[in-house]
Amino acid sequence: MANNTGQKFGGREAGTPNRLTKEIRIHLKNFLHNEIESLGEYLKDLEPKDKLDILIKLMPFVLPKVNEVNHNVNEPISWDL
């Protein structure tokens, strides 16, 4: 029989962390940490084009994006720093 009352019965209480998700995140974090340490060895064996492609894909995780700055015609210019 389906629960049509809108009330929750059983399961975890609200705010209780999922143990399996936590364990998966820990293992994934450890795996990625080891792979990042080995990245230099992986890149050394690649062609320059492939190496550059990987570095370009990794850049957004290290360097912030630069936003374009525009000036409107009637906007006053302030040179105060």
C-alpha atoms as a PDB file:
ATOM      1  CA  MET A   1       0.000   0.000   0.000  1.00  0.00           C
ATOM      2  CA  ALA A   2       1.435   3.390  -1.001  1.00  0.00           C
ATOM      3  CA  ASN A   3       2.068   6.182   1.475  1.00  0.00           C
ATOM      4  CA  ASN A   4      -0.180   9.058   0.352  1.00  0.00           C
ATOM      5  CA  THR A   5      -0.001  11.027   3.614  1.00  0.00           C
ATOM      6  CA  GLY A   6       3.126  13.006   2.755  1.00  0.00           C
ATOM      7  CA  GLN A   7       4.702  11.916   6.032  1.00  0.00           C
ATOM      8  CA  LYS A   8       8.065  10.171   6.122  1.00  0.00           C
ATOM      9  CA  PHE A   9       8.250   6.770   7.803  1.00  0.00           C
ATOM     10  CA  GLY A  10      11.542   5.020   8.511  1.00  0.00           C
ATOM     11  CA  GLY A  11      14.923   5.768   6.952  1.00  0.00           C
ATOM     12  CA  ARG A  12      17.548   8.205   8.192  1.00  0.00           C
ATOM     13  CA  GLU A  13      16.579  11.264  10.175  1.00  0.00           C
ATOM     14  CA  ALA A  14      17.077  14.622   8.490  1.00  0.00           C
ATOM     15  CA  GLY A  15      20.690  15.776   8.660  1.00  0.00           C
ATOM     16  CA  THR A  16      22.158  12.317   9.224  1.00  0.00           C
ATOM     17  CA  PRO A  17      25.070  11.828   6.796  1.00  0.00           C
ATOM     18  CA  ASN A  18      25.037   8.901   4.412  1.00  0.00           C
ATOM     19  CA  ARG A  19      27.879   6.582   5.509  1.00  0.00           C
ATOM     20  CA  LEU A  20      28.371   5.044   2.058  1.00  0.00           C
ATOM     21  CA  THR A  21      28.639   8.445   0.384  1.00  0.00           C
ATOM     22  CA  LYS A  22      31.192   9.543   2.967  1.00  0.00           C
ATOM     23  CA  GLU A  23      33.319   6.428   2.396  1.00  0.00           C
ATOM     24  CA  ILE A  24      33.177   6.834  -1.390  1.00  0.00           C
ATOM     25  CA  ARG A  25      34.281  10.472  -1.101  1.00  0.00           C
ATOM     26  CA  ILE A  26      37.235   9.500   1.100  1.00  0.00           C
ATOM     27  CA  HIS A  27      38.398   6.826  -1.365  1.00  0.00           C
ATOM     28  CA  LEU A  28      37.912   9.152  -4.352  1.00  0.00           C
ATOM     29  CA  LYS A  29      39.838  11.927  -2.600  1.00  0.00           C
ATOM     30  CA  ASN A  30      42.762   9.571  -1.888  1.00  0.00           C
ATOM     31  CA  PHE A  31      42.743   8.258  -5.465  1.00  0.00           C
ATOM     32  CA  LEU A  32      42.750  11.776  -6.957  1.00  0.00           C
ATOM     33  CA  HIS A  33      45.522  12.870  -4.603  1.00  0.00           C
ATOM     34  CA  ASN A  34      47.738  10.009  -5.810  1.00  0.00           C
ATOM     35  CA  GLU A  35      46.921  10.688  -9.468  1.00  0.00           C
ATOM     36  CA  ILE A  36      47.736  14.398  -9.137  1.00  0.00           C
ATOM     37  CA  GLU A  37      51.122  13.508  -7.662  1.00  0.00           C
ATOM     38  CA  SER A  38      51.757  11.260 -10.705  1.00  0.00           C
ATOM     39  CA  LEU A  39      50.581  13.883 -13.216  1.00  0.00           C
ATOM     40  CA  GLY A  40      54.118  15.010 -14.048  1.00  0.00           C
ATOM     41  CA  GLU A  41      55.079  11.483 -15.081  1.00  0.00           C
ATOM     42  CA  TYR A  42      51.973  11.143 -17.244  1.00  0.00           C
ATOM     43  CA  LEU A  43      52.567  14.475 -18.983  1.00  0.00           C
ATOM     44  CA  LYS A  44      56.215  13.674 -19.669  1.00  0.00           C
ATOM     45  CA  ASP A  45      55.233  10.803 -21.981  1.00  0.00           C
ATOM     46  CA  LEU A  46      52.673  12.786 -24.036  1.00  0.00           C
ATOM     47  CA  GLU A  47      53.037  14.670 -27.299  1.00  0.00           C
ATOM     48  CA  PRO A  48      53.277  18.468 -26.836  1.00  0.00           C
ATOM     49  CA  LYS A  49      49.811  18.986 -28.367  1.00  0.00           C
ATOM     50  CA  ASP A  50      48.191  16.510 -25.962  1.00  0.00           C
ATOM     51  CA  LYS A  51      50.131  17.909 -23.010  1.00  0.00           C
ATOM     52  CA  LEU A  52      48.946  21.443 -23.809  1.00  0.00           C
ATOM     53  CA  ASP A  53      45.347  20.238 -24.170  1.00  0.00           C
ATOM     54  CA  ILE A  54      45.403  18.671 -20.694  1.00  0.00           C
ATOM     55  CA  LEU A  55      47.017  21.737 -19.121  1.00  0.00           C
ATOM     56  CA  ILE A  56      44.384  24.016 -20.684  1.00  0.00           C
ATOM     57  CA  LYS A  57      41.632  21.803 -19.263  1.00  0.00           C
ATOM     58  CA  LEU A  58      43.215  21.914 -15.778  1.00  0.00           C
ATOM     59  CA  MET A  59      43.780  25.696 -15.724  1.00  0.00           C
ATOM     60  CA  PRO A  60      40.253  26.674 -14.554  1.00  0.00           C
ATOM     61  CA  PHE A  61      40.840  24.664 -11.376  1.00  0.00           C
ATOM     62  CA  VAL A  62      43.968  26.673 -10.553  1.00  0.00           C
ATOM     63  CA  LEU A  63      43.593  30.149 -12.055  1.00  0.00           C
ATOM     64  CA  PRO A  64      40.519  32.390 -11.647  1.00  0.00           C
ATOM     65  CA  LYS A  65      38.625  33.514 -14.727  1.00  0.00           C
ATOM     66  CA  VAL A  66      39.258  37.084 -15.852  1.00  0.00           C
ATOM     67  CA  ASN A  67      36.105  39.146 -16.352  1.00  0.00           C
ATOM     68  CA  GLU A  68      35.805  41.701 -19.087  1.00  0.00           C
ATOM     69  CA  VAL A  69      35.738  45.355 -17.949  1.00  0.00           C
ATOM     70  CA  ASN A  70      33.597  47.784 -19.959  1.00  0.00           C
ATOM     71  CA  HIS A  71      33.267  51.549 -19.845  1.00  0.00           C
ATOM     72  CA  ASN A  72      30.073  53.335 -20.862  1.00  0.00           C
ATOM     73  CA  VAL A  73      30.292  56.647 -22.755  1.00  0.00           C
ATOM     74  CA  ASN A  74      28.533  58.823 -20.130  1.00  0.00           C
ATOM     75  CA  GLU A  75      30.046  57.063 -17.138  1.00  0.00           C
ATOM     76  CA  PRO A  76      32.493  59.217 -15.128  1.00  0.00           C
ATOM     77  CA  ILE A  77      36.044  57.940 -14.959  1.00  0.00           C
ATOM     78  CA  SER A  78      37.549  57.579 -11.499  1.00  0.00           C
ATOM     79  CA  TRP A  79      41.295  57.025 -11.294  1.00  0.00           C
ATOM     80  CA  ASP A  80      41.358  56.701  -7.489  1.00  0.00           C
ATOM     81  CA  LEU A  81      42.980  53.493  -6.390  1.00  0.00           C
END
